[in-house]
Amino acid sequence: MKRFCVFIATGLGLGLIAPFAPGTFGSLPGVALAYATTLLPVALQIPVCTVLALLAIPVCGVAERELGIKDDGRIAADEWMLFPIALIGIPLHTLPWWSMVVFFAVVRAIDIVKPWPCRGLQSIPGGRGIVIDDFFANLYSLATNWAICWLIWLR
């Protein structure tokens, strides 16, 4: 079970094999997950995102203990399992294919910058600390992605 958690936490292993930016490579499974989630009605997207965020907490906690490094950069479940939050309600299926690239870049940029209060929340121990900063970063990303979506495609 511990190996399985590390596999999930590292983005299906992508975070372990990436030569650089393991968090970004480990985030890639989130693209498929986020796309699939956007096909659901918004009323279902929110509970699905909530469940994914709650599941990411123990997965990240186990992986952190197994890898032996606090919030190890190879742990990406906090990114890929929470990426769907950044697309709640966005009509992705009606947008050009490259809109997902834009939305992914926004999420990664905000996760790297970590606006307030994201950075401070990382100090919470275990899986909760690993996940909570990304939860808030994805809320910032959701607002940014909606603004981009409206400005470029929905006006």
Protein backbone atom coordinates (compact mmCIF):
# COMPACT_ATOMS: atom_id res chain seq x y z
CA MET A 1 0.00 0.00 0.00
CA LYS A 2 2.89 2.39 0.73
CA ARG A 3 4.35 1.84 -2.74
CA PHE A 4 0.95 2.44 -4.28
CA CYS A 5 0.63 5.75 -2.40
CA VAL A 6 4.10 6.82 -3.57
CA PHE A 7 3.16 5.87 -7.15
CA ILE A 8 -0.05 7.93 -6.97
CA ALA A 9 1.66 10.79 -5.10
CA THR A 10 4.42 11.09 -7.68
CA GLY A 11 1.98 11.55 -10.56
CA LEU A 12 1.86 7.87 -11.51
CA GLY A 13 5.63 7.78 -11.19
CA LEU A 14 6.32 10.75 -13.50
CA GLY A 15 7.66 12.81 -10.60
CA LEU A 16 10.25 10.10 -9.91
CA ILE A 17 11.63 9.83 -13.43
CA ALA A 18 11.61 13.50 -14.44
CA PRO A 19 15.17 14.83 -14.87
CA PHE A 20 14.02 18.34 -13.82
CA ALA A 21 10.77 19.97 -12.61
CA PRO A 22 9.40 16.74 -11.12
CA GLY A 23 6.32 18.57 -9.82
CA THR A 24 5.38 19.77 -13.29
CA PHE A 25 5.90 16.35 -14.89
CA GLY A 26 4.07 14.71 -12.01
CA SER A 27 1.18 17.12 -12.60
CA LEU A 28 0.53 15.87 -16.13
CA PRO A 29 -2.01 13.16 -15.13
CA GLY A 30 -4.10 16.05 -13.85
CA VAL A 31 -4.72 17.19 -17.43
CA ALA A 32 -6.77 14.07 -18.22
CA LEU A 33 -8.44 14.12 -14.82
CA ALA A 34 -9.36 17.80 -15.14
CA TYR A 35 -10.70 17.33 -18.67
CA ALA A 36 -12.86 14.40 -17.54
CA THR A 37 -14.12 16.40 -14.57
CA THR A 38 -15.17 19.34 -16.77
CA LEU A 39 -17.50 16.99 -18.66
CA LEU A 40 -19.56 16.58 -15.48
CA PRO A 41 -22.29 19.03 -14.50
CA VAL A 42 -20.94 21.77 -12.20
CA ALA A 43 -23.09 20.40 -9.39
CA LEU A 44 -20.99 17.20 -9.55
CA GLN A 45 -17.65 18.86 -10.28
CA ILE A 46 -17.54 20.45 -6.84
CA PRO A 47 -18.07 17.24 -4.80
CA VAL A 48 -15.66 15.32 -7.08
CA CYS A 49 -13.01 17.99 -6.52
CA THR A 50 -13.65 17.86 -2.77
CA VAL A 51 -13.22 14.08 -2.68
CA LEU A 52 -10.02 14.27 -4.76
CA ALA A 53 -8.57 16.92 -2.42
CA LEU A 54 -9.44 14.86 0.65
CA LEU A 55 -7.94 11.70 -0.90
CA ALA A 56 -4.74 13.58 -1.75
CA ILE A 57 -4.06 14.32 1.94
CA PRO A 58 -3.32 10.76 3.12
CA VAL A 59 -1.64 9.84 -0.19
CA CYS A 60 0.76 12.78 0.13
CA GLY A 61 1.31 12.09 3.81
CA VAL A 62 2.32 8.48 3.19
CA ALA A 63 4.57 9.48 0.29
CA GLU A 64 6.27 12.15 2.39
CA ARG A 65 7.04 9.61 5.12
CA GLU A 66 8.28 7.05 2.59
CA LEU A 67 10.46 9.50 0.65
CA GLY A 68 11.74 10.98 3.91
CA ILE A 69 11.69 14.65 2.78
CA LYS A 70 9.17 17.28 3.92
CA ASP A 71 6.97 18.22 0.94
CA ASP A 72 9.35 16.45 -1.45
CA GLY A 73 9.29 18.06 -4.91
CA ARG A 74 8.60 14.66 -6.47
CA ILE A 75 5.24 14.52 -4.69
CA ALA A 76 2.69 15.82 -7.19
CA ALA A 77 -0.65 14.39 -6.08
CA ASP A 78 -1.36 17.77 -4.53
CA GLU A 79 -1.00 19.23 -8.02
CA TRP A 80 -2.59 16.64 -10.27
CA MET A 81 -5.44 15.58 -8.00
CA LEU A 82 -6.40 19.20 -7.29
CA PHE A 83 -5.98 20.55 -10.85
CA PRO A 84 -9.70 19.99 -11.58
CA ILE A 85 -10.50 22.70 -9.02
CA ALA A 86 -8.91 25.26 -11.34
CA LEU A 87 -11.39 24.38 -14.11
CA ILE A 88 -14.70 24.14 -12.23
CA GLY A 89 -17.46 25.28 -14.54
CA ILE A 90 -15.20 26.15 -17.45
CA PRO A 91 -16.77 24.81 -20.67
CA LEU A 92 -13.52 23.20 -21.79
CA HIS A 93 -15.18 21.02 -24.44
CA THR A 94 -16.23 24.20 -26.31
CA LEU A 95 -12.79 25.82 -26.23
CA PRO A 96 -9.77 25.24 -28.50
CA TRP A 97 -7.53 22.32 -27.51
CA TRP A 98 -4.71 24.66 -26.55
CA SER A 99 -6.83 26.33 -23.86
CA MET A 100 -5.86 23.43 -21.59
CA VAL A 101 -2.19 24.35 -22.10
CA VAL A 102 -2.98 27.91 -20.99
CA PHE A 103 -4.94 26.75 -17.94
CA PHE A 104 -2.21 24.26 -16.97
CA ALA A 105 0.44 26.99 -17.25
CA VAL A 106 -1.64 29.30 -15.04
CA VAL A 107 -1.96 26.63 -12.36
CA ARG A 108 1.75 25.82 -12.43
CA ALA A 109 2.72 29.52 -12.32
CA ILE A 110 0.45 30.26 -9.37
CA ASP A 111 1.66 27.14 -7.59
CA ILE A 112 5.27 28.27 -8.04
CA VAL A 113 4.60 31.88 -6.99
CA LYS A 114 2.41 30.80 -4.05
CA PRO A 115 0.46 33.98 -3.30
CA TRP A 116 -0.76 34.68 0.22
CA PRO A 117 -1.78 32.59 2.18
CA CYS A 118 -0.49 29.59 0.19
CA ARG A 119 3.19 29.78 1.15
CA GLY A 120 2.49 30.00 4.88
CA LEU A 121 0.10 27.06 4.81
CA GLN A 122 2.92 24.75 3.71
CA SER A 123 4.21 24.76 7.28
CA ILE A 124 1.26 22.62 8.40
CA PRO A 125 2.69 19.13 8.96
CA GLY A 126 2.10 16.04 6.85
CA GLY A 127 -0.29 15.57 3.96
CA ARG A 128 -2.52 18.42 5.11
CA GLY A 129 0.33 20.92 4.67
CA ILE A 130 1.28 19.47 1.30
CA VAL A 131 -2.28 19.72 -0.02
CA ILE A 132 -3.74 22.87 1.56
CA ASP A 133 -1.42 25.34 -0.17
CA ASP A 134 -2.34 23.79 -3.52
CA PHE A 135 -6.02 23.94 -2.64
CA PHE A 136 -5.79 27.71 -2.21
CA ALA A 137 -3.48 28.09 -5.22
CA ASN A 138 -6.07 26.28 -7.33
CA LEU A 139 -8.78 28.66 -6.12
CA TYR A 140 -6.59 31.56 -7.31
CA SER A 141 -6.08 29.65 -10.56
CA LEU A 142 -9.81 29.10 -10.93
CA ALA A 143 -10.43 32.85 -10.75
CA THR A 144 -7.57 33.55 -13.16
CA ASN A 145 -8.64 30.83 -15.60
CA TRP A 146 -12.22 32.13 -15.62
CA ALA A 147 -10.95 35.65 -16.32
CA ILE A 148 -8.82 34.38 -19.21
CA CYS A 149 -11.66 32.24 -20.51
CA TRP A 150 -14.07 35.14 -20.46
CA LEU A 151 -11.63 37.65 -21.97
CA ILE A 152 -10.49 35.41 -24.81
CA TRP A 153 -13.31 33.01 -25.65
CA LEU A 154 -16.62 33.88 -24.04
CA ARG A 155 -17.02 37.61 -24.66
